[in-house]
PDB file of N, CA and C in Angstrom:
ATOM      1  N   GLN A   1     -10.464  -9.970 -26.253  1.00  0.00           N
ATOM      2  CA  GLN A   1     -10.514  -9.523 -27.687  1.00  0.00           C
ATOM      3  C   GLN A   1      -9.195  -8.595 -27.923  1.00  0.00           C
ATOM      4  N   VAL A   2      -8.382  -9.079 -28.860  1.00  0.00           N
ATOM      5  CA  VAL A   2      -7.079  -8.605 -28.971  1.00  0.00           C
ATOM      6  C   VAL A   2      -6.880  -8.211 -30.516  1.00  0.00           C
ATOM      7  N   ASP A   3      -7.840  -8.419 -31.219  1.00  0.00           N
ATOM      8  CA  ASP A   3      -7.685  -7.828 -32.555  1.00  0.00           C
ATOM      9  C   ASP A   3      -7.124  -6.374 -32.698  1.00  0.00           C
ATOM     10  N   GLY A   4      -6.304  -6.128 -33.359  1.00  0.00           N
ATOM     11  CA  GLY A   4      -5.954  -4.685 -33.688  1.00  0.00           C
ATOM     12  C   GLY A   4      -4.795  -4.232 -32.688  1.00  0.00           C
ATOM     13  N   LEU A   5      -4.583  -4.994 -31.830  1.00  0.00           N
ATOM     14  CA  LEU A   5      -3.525  -4.714 -30.586  1.00  0.00           C
ATOM     15  C   LEU A   5      -2.164  -4.982 -31.137  1.00  0.00           C
ATOM     16  N   ASP A   6      -0.994  -4.380 -30.550  1.00  0.00           N
ATOM     17  CA  ASP A   6       0.242  -4.859 -30.935  1.00  0.00           C
ATOM     18  C   ASP A   6       0.562  -5.970 -30.008  1.00  0.00           C
ATOM     19  N   ARG A   7       1.727  -6.500 -30.031  1.00  0.00           N
ATOM     20  CA  ARG A   7       1.917  -7.893 -29.508  1.00  0.00           C
ATOM     21  C   ARG A   7       2.043  -7.573 -27.846  1.00  0.00           C
ATOM     22  N   ARG A   8       2.568  -6.525 -27.392  1.00  0.00           N
ATOM     23  CA  ARG A   8       2.641  -6.174 -26.050  1.00  0.00           C
ATOM     24  C   ARG A   8       1.442  -5.926 -25.373  1.00  0.00           C
ATOM     25  N   ASP A   9       0.600  -5.218 -26.009  1.00  0.00           N
ATOM     26  CA  ASP A   9      -0.556  -4.807 -25.451  1.00  0.00           C
ATOM     27  C   ASP A   9      -1.724  -6.260 -25.394  1.00  0.00           C
ATOM     28  N   ALA A  10      -1.642  -6.918 -26.610  1.00  0.00           N
ATOM     29  CA  ALA A  10      -2.271  -8.303 -26.664  1.00  0.00           C
ATOM     30  C   ALA A  10      -1.678  -9.236 -25.343  1.00  0.00           C
ATOM     31  N   ALA A  11      -0.583  -9.236 -25.325  1.00  0.00           N
ATOM     32  CA  ALA A  11       0.246 -10.118 -24.147  1.00  0.00           C
ATOM     33  C   ALA A  11      -0.449  -9.538 -22.692  1.00  0.00           C
ATOM     34  N   GLU A  12      -0.419  -8.170 -22.381  1.00  0.00           N
ATOM     35  CA  GLU A  12      -0.831  -7.568 -21.231  1.00  0.00           C
ATOM     36  C   GLU A  12      -2.336  -7.995 -20.931  1.00  0.00           C
ATOM     37  N   LYS A  13      -2.999  -7.806 -22.106  1.00  0.00           N
ATOM     38  CA  LYS A  13      -4.558  -8.211 -21.915  1.00  0.00           C
ATOM     39  C   LYS A  13      -4.591  -9.672 -21.774  1.00  0.00           C
ATOM     40  N   ALA A  14      -3.973 -10.417 -22.166  1.00  0.00           N
ATOM     41  CA  ALA A  14      -3.955 -11.994 -21.945  1.00  0.00           C
ATOM     42  C   ALA A  14      -3.543 -12.346 -20.484  1.00  0.00           C
ATOM     43  N   ALA A  15      -2.480 -11.611 -20.078  1.00  0.00           N
ATOM     44  CA  ALA A  15      -2.087 -11.787 -18.702  1.00  0.00           C
ATOM     45  C   ALA A  15      -3.149 -11.315 -17.683  1.00  0.00           C
ATOM     46  N   ALA A  16      -3.912 -10.227 -17.976  1.00  0.00           N
ATOM     47  CA  ALA A  16      -4.863  -9.744 -17.133  1.00  0.00           C
ATOM     48  C   ALA A  16      -6.138 -10.778 -17.014  1.00  0.00           C
ATOM     49  N   ALA A  17      -6.259 -11.186 -18.364  1.00  0.00           N
ATOM     50  CA  ALA A  17      -7.472 -12.203 -18.334  1.00  0.00           C
ATOM     51  C   ALA A  17      -7.221 -13.471 -17.747  1.00  0.00           C
ATOM     52  N   VAL A  18      -5.916 -13.975 -17.465  1.00  0.00           N
ATOM     53  CA  VAL A  18      -5.643 -15.124 -16.646  1.00  0.00           C
ATOM     54  C   VAL A  18      -5.656 -14.806 -15.377  1.00  0.00           C
ATOM     55  N   GLU A  19      -5.223 -13.648 -14.833  1.00  0.00           N
ATOM     56  CA  GLU A  19      -5.311 -13.094 -13.555  1.00  0.00           C
ATOM     57  C   GLU A  19      -6.962 -13.146 -13.122  1.00  0.00           C
ATOM     58  N   ASP A  20      -7.714 -12.373 -13.868  1.00  0.00           N
ATOM     59  CA  ASP A  20      -9.133 -12.492 -13.646  1.00  0.00           C
ATOM     60  C   ASP A  20      -9.698 -13.883 -13.324  1.00  0.00           C
ATOM     61  N   LEU A  21      -9.288 -14.606 -14.356  1.00  0.00           N
ATOM     62  CA  LEU A  21      -9.786 -16.007 -14.261  1.00  0.00           C
ATOM     63  C   LEU A  21      -9.296 -16.854 -12.906  1.00  0.00           C
ATOM     64  N   ALA A  22      -8.157 -16.533 -12.529  1.00  0.00           N
ATOM     65  CA  ALA A  22      -7.799 -17.147 -11.345  1.00  0.00           C
ATOM     66  C   ALA A  22      -8.441 -16.648  -9.983  1.00  0.00           C
ATOM     67  N   ARG A  23      -8.801 -15.351 -10.183  1.00  0.00           N
ATOM     68  CA  ARG A  23      -9.550 -14.732  -9.032  1.00  0.00           C
ATOM     69  C   ARG A  23     -10.864 -15.174  -9.075  1.00  0.00           C
ATOM     70  N   ASP A  24     -11.602 -15.469 -10.331  1.00  0.00           N
ATOM     71  CA  ASP A  24     -12.886 -15.784 -10.399  1.00  0.00           C
ATOM     72  C   ASP A  24     -13.234 -17.260  -9.907  1.00  0.00           C
ATOM     73  N   VAL A  25     -12.097 -18.151 -10.159  1.00  0.00           N
ATOM     74  CA  VAL A  25     -12.279 -19.546  -9.740  1.00  0.00           C
ATOM     75  C   VAL A  25     -11.746 -19.758  -8.336  1.00  0.00           C
ATOM     76  N   GLY A  26     -11.298 -18.734  -7.486  1.00  0.00           N
ATOM     77  CA  GLY A  26     -11.045 -18.723  -6.282  1.00  0.00           C
ATOM     78  C   GLY A  26      -9.464 -19.093  -5.743  1.00  0.00           C
ATOM     79  N   LEU A  27      -8.694 -18.974  -6.836  1.00  0.00           N
ATOM     80  CA  LEU A  27      -7.264 -19.429  -6.414  1.00  0.00           C
ATOM     81  C   LEU A  27      -6.473 -18.492  -5.555  1.00  0.00           C
ATOM     82  N   PRO A  28      -5.690 -19.035  -4.662  1.00  0.00           N
ATOM     83  CA  PRO A  28      -4.971 -18.099  -3.574  1.00  0.00           C
ATOM     84  C   PRO A  28      -4.345 -17.154  -4.589  1.00  0.00           C
ATOM     85  N   GLU A  29      -4.326 -15.758  -4.019  1.00  0.00           N
ATOM     86  CA  GLU A  29      -3.264 -14.939  -4.526  1.00  0.00           C
ATOM     87  C   GLU A  29      -1.932 -14.697  -4.008  1.00  0.00           C
ATOM     88  N   GLY A  30      -0.922 -15.244  -4.377  1.00  0.00           N
ATOM     89  CA  GLY A  30       0.222 -15.320  -3.747  1.00  0.00           C
ATOM     90  C   GLY A  30       0.788 -16.376  -3.022  1.00  0.00           C
ATOM     91  N   LEU A  31       1.976 -16.557  -2.795  1.00  0.00           N
ATOM     92  CA  LEU A  31       2.432 -17.510  -2.077  1.00  0.00           C
ATOM     93  C   LEU A  31       2.171 -17.364  -0.533  1.00  0.00           C
ATOM     94  N   ALA A  32       1.934 -16.169  -0.044  1.00  0.00           N
ATOM     95  CA  ALA A  32       1.580 -15.991   1.166  1.00  0.00           C
ATOM     96  C   ALA A  32       0.331 -16.591   1.565  1.00  0.00           C
ATOM     97  N   ALA A  33      -0.541 -16.447   0.611  1.00  0.00           N
ATOM     98  CA  ALA A  33      -1.913 -17.113   0.865  1.00  0.00           C
ATOM     99  C   ALA A  33      -1.921 -18.505   0.969  1.00  0.00           C
ATOM    100  N   VAL A  34      -0.984 -19.355   0.644  1.00  0.00           N
ATOM    101  CA  VAL A  34      -0.845 -20.743   1.087  1.00  0.00           C
ATOM    102  C   VAL A  34       0.006 -20.991   1.993  1.00  0.00           C
ATOM    103  N   GLY A  35       0.580 -20.063   2.829  1.00  0.00           N
ATOM    104  CA  GLY A  35       1.177 -20.312   3.998  1.00  0.00           C
ATOM    105  C   GLY A  35       2.817 -20.158   3.942  1.00  0.00           C
ATOM    106  N   VAL A  36       3.355 -19.618   2.783  1.00  0.00           N
ATOM    107  CA  VAL A  36       4.575 -19.702   2.556  1.00  0.00           C
ATOM    108  C   VAL A  36       5.026 -18.295   3.172  1.00  0.00           C
ATOM    109  N   THR A  37       6.152 -18.306   4.022  1.00  0.00           N
ATOM    110  CA  THR A  37       6.901 -17.231   4.758  1.00  0.00           C
ATOM    111  C   THR A  37       8.100 -16.791   3.900  1.00  0.00           C
ATOM    112  N   GLU A  38       8.564 -15.601   4.243  1.00  0.00           N
ATOM    113  CA  GLU A  38       9.679 -14.853   3.619  1.00  0.00           C
ATOM    114  C   GLU A  38      11.065 -15.733   3.984  1.00  0.00           C
ATOM    115  N   ASP A  39      10.818 -16.285   5.314  1.00  0.00           N
ATOM    116  CA  ASP A  39      12.078 -17.016   5.721  1.00  0.00           C
ATOM    117  C   ASP A  39      12.378 -18.399   5.068  1.00  0.00           C
ATOM    118  N   GLU A  40      11.238 -18.916   4.238  1.00  0.00           N
ATOM    119  CA  GLU A  40      11.318 -20.105   3.538  1.00  0.00           C
ATOM    120  C   GLU A  40      11.965 -19.764   2.061  1.00  0.00           C
ATOM    121  N   LEU A  41      11.795 -18.712   1.683  1.00  0.00           N
ATOM    122  CA  LEU A  41      12.259 -18.353   0.250  1.00  0.00           C
ATOM    123  C   LEU A  41      13.764 -18.819  -0.199  1.00  0.00           C
ATOM    124  N   PRO A  42      14.809 -18.667   0.584  1.00  0.00           N
ATOM    125  CA  PRO A  42      16.168 -18.972   0.161  1.00  0.00           C
ATOM    126  C   PRO A  42      16.257 -20.594   0.185  1.00  0.00           C
ATOM    127  N   ARG A  43      15.593 -21.263   0.878  1.00  0.00           N
ATOM    128  CA  ARG A  43      15.687 -22.737   0.673  1.00  0.00           C
ATOM    129  C   ARG A  43      14.835 -23.164  -0.644  1.00  0.00           C
ATOM    130  N   PHE A  44      13.602 -22.434  -0.818  1.00  0.00           N
ATOM    131  CA  PHE A  44      12.931 -22.940  -2.003  1.00  0.00           C
ATOM    132  C   PHE A  44      13.599 -22.259  -3.149  1.00  0.00           C
ATOM    133  N   ALA A  45      14.280 -21.353  -3.259  1.00  0.00           N
ATOM    134  CA  ALA A  45      15.285 -20.891  -4.599  1.00  0.00           C
ATOM    135  C   ALA A  45      16.380 -21.931  -4.594  1.00  0.00           C
ATOM    136  N   ALA A  46      16.874 -22.396  -3.615  1.00  0.00           N
ATOM    137  CA  ALA A  46      18.053 -23.207  -3.614  1.00  0.00           C
ATOM    138  C   ALA A  46      17.605 -24.618  -4.290  1.00  0.00           C
ATOM    139  N   ASP A  47      16.324 -25.097  -3.715  1.00  0.00           N
ATOM    140  CA  ASP A  47      15.962 -26.339  -4.135  1.00  0.00           C
ATOM    141  C   ASP A  47      15.444 -26.156  -5.677  1.00  0.00           C
ATOM    142  N   THR A  48      14.923 -24.920  -6.081  1.00  0.00           N
ATOM    143  CA  THR A  48      14.550 -24.770  -7.173  1.00  0.00           C
ATOM    144  C   THR A  48      15.689 -25.179  -8.317  1.00  0.00           C
ATOM    145  N   THR A  49      16.943 -24.534  -7.869  1.00  0.00           N
ATOM    146  CA  THR A  49      18.002 -24.626  -8.928  1.00  0.00           C
ATOM    147  C   THR A  49      18.482 -26.124  -9.143  1.00  0.00           C
ATOM    148  N   GLN A  50      17.957 -26.994  -8.302  1.00  0.00           N
ATOM    149  CA  GLN A  50      18.393 -28.404  -8.589  1.00  0.00           C
ATOM    150  C   GLN A  50      17.247 -29.043  -9.703  1.00  0.00           C
ATOM    151  N   LEU A  51      16.231 -28.358  -9.986  1.00  0.00           N
ATOM    152  CA  LEU A  51      15.094 -28.864 -10.716  1.00  0.00           C
ATOM    153  C   LEU A  51      15.484 -28.247 -12.291  1.00  0.00           C
ATOM    154  N   GLN A  52      16.586 -28.853 -12.948  1.00  0.00           N
ATOM    155  CA  GLN A  52      17.016 -28.344 -14.062  1.00  0.00           C
ATOM    156  C   GLN A  52      15.997 -28.713 -15.286  1.00  0.00           C
ATOM    157  N   ARG A  53      15.365 -29.831 -15.212  1.00  0.00           N
ATOM    158  CA  ARG A  53      14.236 -30.056 -16.204  1.00  0.00           C
ATOM    159  C   ARG A  53      13.388 -29.066 -16.341  1.00  0.00           C
ATOM    160  N   LEU A  54      13.276 -28.297 -15.216  1.00  0.00           N
ATOM    161  CA  LEU A  54      12.293 -27.160 -15.398  1.00  0.00           C
ATOM    162  C   LEU A  54      12.850 -25.852 -15.768  1.00  0.00           C
ATOM    163  N   LEU A  55      14.246 -25.806 -15.511  1.00  0.00           N
ATOM    164  CA  LEU A  55      15.025 -24.585 -15.750  1.00  0.00           C
ATOM    165  C   LEU A  55      15.585 -24.475 -17.195  1.00  0.00           C
ATOM    166  N   VAL A  56      15.921 -25.821 -17.846  1.00  0.00           N
ATOM    167  CA  VAL A  56      16.671 -25.815 -19.155  1.00  0.00           C
ATOM    168  C   VAL A  56      15.681 -25.087 -20.237  1.00  0.00           C
ATOM    169  N   GLY A  57      14.649 -25.060 -20.337  1.00  0.00           N
ATOM    170  CA  GLY A  57      13.486 -24.380 -21.292  1.00  0.00           C
ATOM    171  C   GLY A  57      13.515 -22.987 -21.003  1.00  0.00           C
ATOM    172  N   ASN A  58      13.897 -22.279 -19.791  1.00  0.00           N
ATOM    173  CA  ASN A  58      13.893 -21.105 -19.566  1.00  0.00           C
ATOM    174  C   ASN A  58      14.499 -20.117 -20.521  1.00  0.00           C
ATOM    175  N   PRO A  59      14.027 -19.028 -21.082  1.00  0.00           N
ATOM    176  CA  PRO A  59      14.771 -18.417 -22.105  1.00  0.00           C
ATOM    177  C   PRO A  59      16.020 -17.520 -21.530  1.00  0.00           C
ATOM    178  N   ARG A  60      16.029 -17.257 -20.122  1.00  0.00           N
ATOM    179  CA  ARG A  60      17.227 -16.644 -19.386  1.00  0.00           C
ATOM    180  C   ARG A  60      17.728 -17.573 -18.533  1.00  0.00           C
ATOM    181  N   ARG A  61      19.223 -17.318 -18.116  1.00  0.00           N
ATOM    182  CA  ARG A  61      19.747 -18.403 -17.303  1.00  0.00           C
ATOM    183  C   ARG A  61      19.524 -17.615 -15.852  1.00  0.00           C
ATOM    184  N   MET A  62      19.140 -18.586 -15.090  1.00  0.00           N
ATOM    185  CA  MET A  62      18.657 -18.053 -13.566  1.00  0.00           C
ATOM    186  C   MET A  62      19.510 -18.746 -12.503  1.00  0.00           C
ATOM    187  N   ASP A  63      19.767 -17.900 -11.588  1.00  0.00           N
ATOM    188  CA  ASP A  63      20.522 -18.651 -10.227  1.00  0.00           C
ATOM    189  C   ASP A  63      19.621 -18.406  -9.254  1.00  0.00           C
ATOM    190  N   ALA A  64      19.940 -18.974  -7.879  1.00  0.00           N
ATOM    191  CA  ALA A  64      19.196 -18.939  -6.799  1.00  0.00           C
ATOM    192  C   ALA A  64      18.610 -17.458  -6.379  1.00  0.00           C
ATOM    193  N   ASP A  65      19.475 -16.420  -6.608  1.00  0.00           N
ATOM    194  CA  ASP A  65      19.207 -15.133  -6.328  1.00  0.00           C
ATOM    195  C   ASP A  65      17.901 -14.605  -7.234  1.00  0.00           C
ATOM    196  N   ASP A  66      18.150 -14.850  -8.613  1.00  0.00           N
ATOM    197  CA  ASP A  66      17.122 -14.649  -9.551  1.00  0.00           C
ATOM    198  C   ASP A  66      15.773 -15.291  -9.019  1.00  0.00           C
ATOM    199  N   ILE A  67      15.873 -16.541  -8.898  1.00  0.00           N
ATOM    200  CA  ILE A  67      14.567 -17.331  -8.434  1.00  0.00           C
ATOM    201  C   ILE A  67      13.929 -16.798  -7.153  1.00  0.00           C
ATOM    202  N   GLU A  68      14.896 -16.593  -6.019  1.00  0.00           N
ATOM    203  CA  GLU A  68      14.199 -15.976  -4.797  1.00  0.00           C
ATOM    204  C   GLU A  68      13.644 -14.441  -5.085  1.00  0.00           C
ATOM    205  N   GLY A  69      14.158 -13.714  -6.024  1.00  0.00           N
ATOM    206  CA  GLY A  69      13.472 -12.597  -6.406  1.00  0.00           C
ATOM    207  C   GLY A  69      12.052 -12.697  -7.049  1.00  0.00           C
ATOM    208  N   ILE A  70      11.987 -13.834  -7.590  1.00  0.00           N
ATOM    209  CA  ILE A  70      10.560 -14.071  -8.269  1.00  0.00           C
ATOM    210  C   ILE A  70       9.744 -14.455  -7.234  1.00  0.00           C
ATOM    211  N   PHE A  71      10.239 -15.250  -6.311  1.00  0.00           N
ATOM    212  CA  PHE A  71       9.307 -15.898  -5.030  1.00  0.00           C
ATOM    213  C   PHE A  71       8.963 -14.664  -4.327  1.00  0.00           C
ATOM    214  N   GLN A  72       9.876 -13.609  -4.238  1.00  0.00           N
ATOM    215  CA  GLN A  72       9.828 -12.470  -3.179  1.00  0.00           C
ATOM    216  C   GLN A  72       8.677 -11.890  -3.661  1.00  0.00           C
ATOM    217  N   ARG A  73       8.628 -11.284  -5.096  1.00  0.00           N
ATOM    218  CA  ARG A  73       7.580 -10.714  -5.696  1.00  0.00           C
ATOM    219  C   ARG A  73       6.179 -11.573  -5.689  1.00  0.00           C
ATOM    220  N   SER A  74       6.335 -12.698  -5.424  1.00  0.00           N
ATOM    221  CA  SER A  74       5.084 -13.677  -5.499  1.00  0.00           C
ATOM    222  C   SER A  74       4.384 -13.912  -4.183  1.00  0.00           C
ATOM    223  N   LEU A  75       5.017 -13.238  -3.083  1.00  0.00           N
ATOM    224  CA  LEU A  75       4.555 -13.407  -1.820  1.00  0.00           C
ATOM    225  C   LEU A  75       3.167 -12.476  -1.665  1.00  0.00           C
TER     226      LEU A  75
END
């Protein structure tokens, strides 16, 4: 329920609900849970920069370092 909440609080509540759902259905938590190692992150980030069809709609311009940082936080 998000009635009466400001946008930020509603968004945080929605994000928490998605995390709860993922946990409830048994999705792995993080990249490490599916066997990804830190050593692989630079290659994954470089490969991701080549997928412009996925990056073009992103509201922020991202380079390999930005993407690697996201992957790092997702381990």
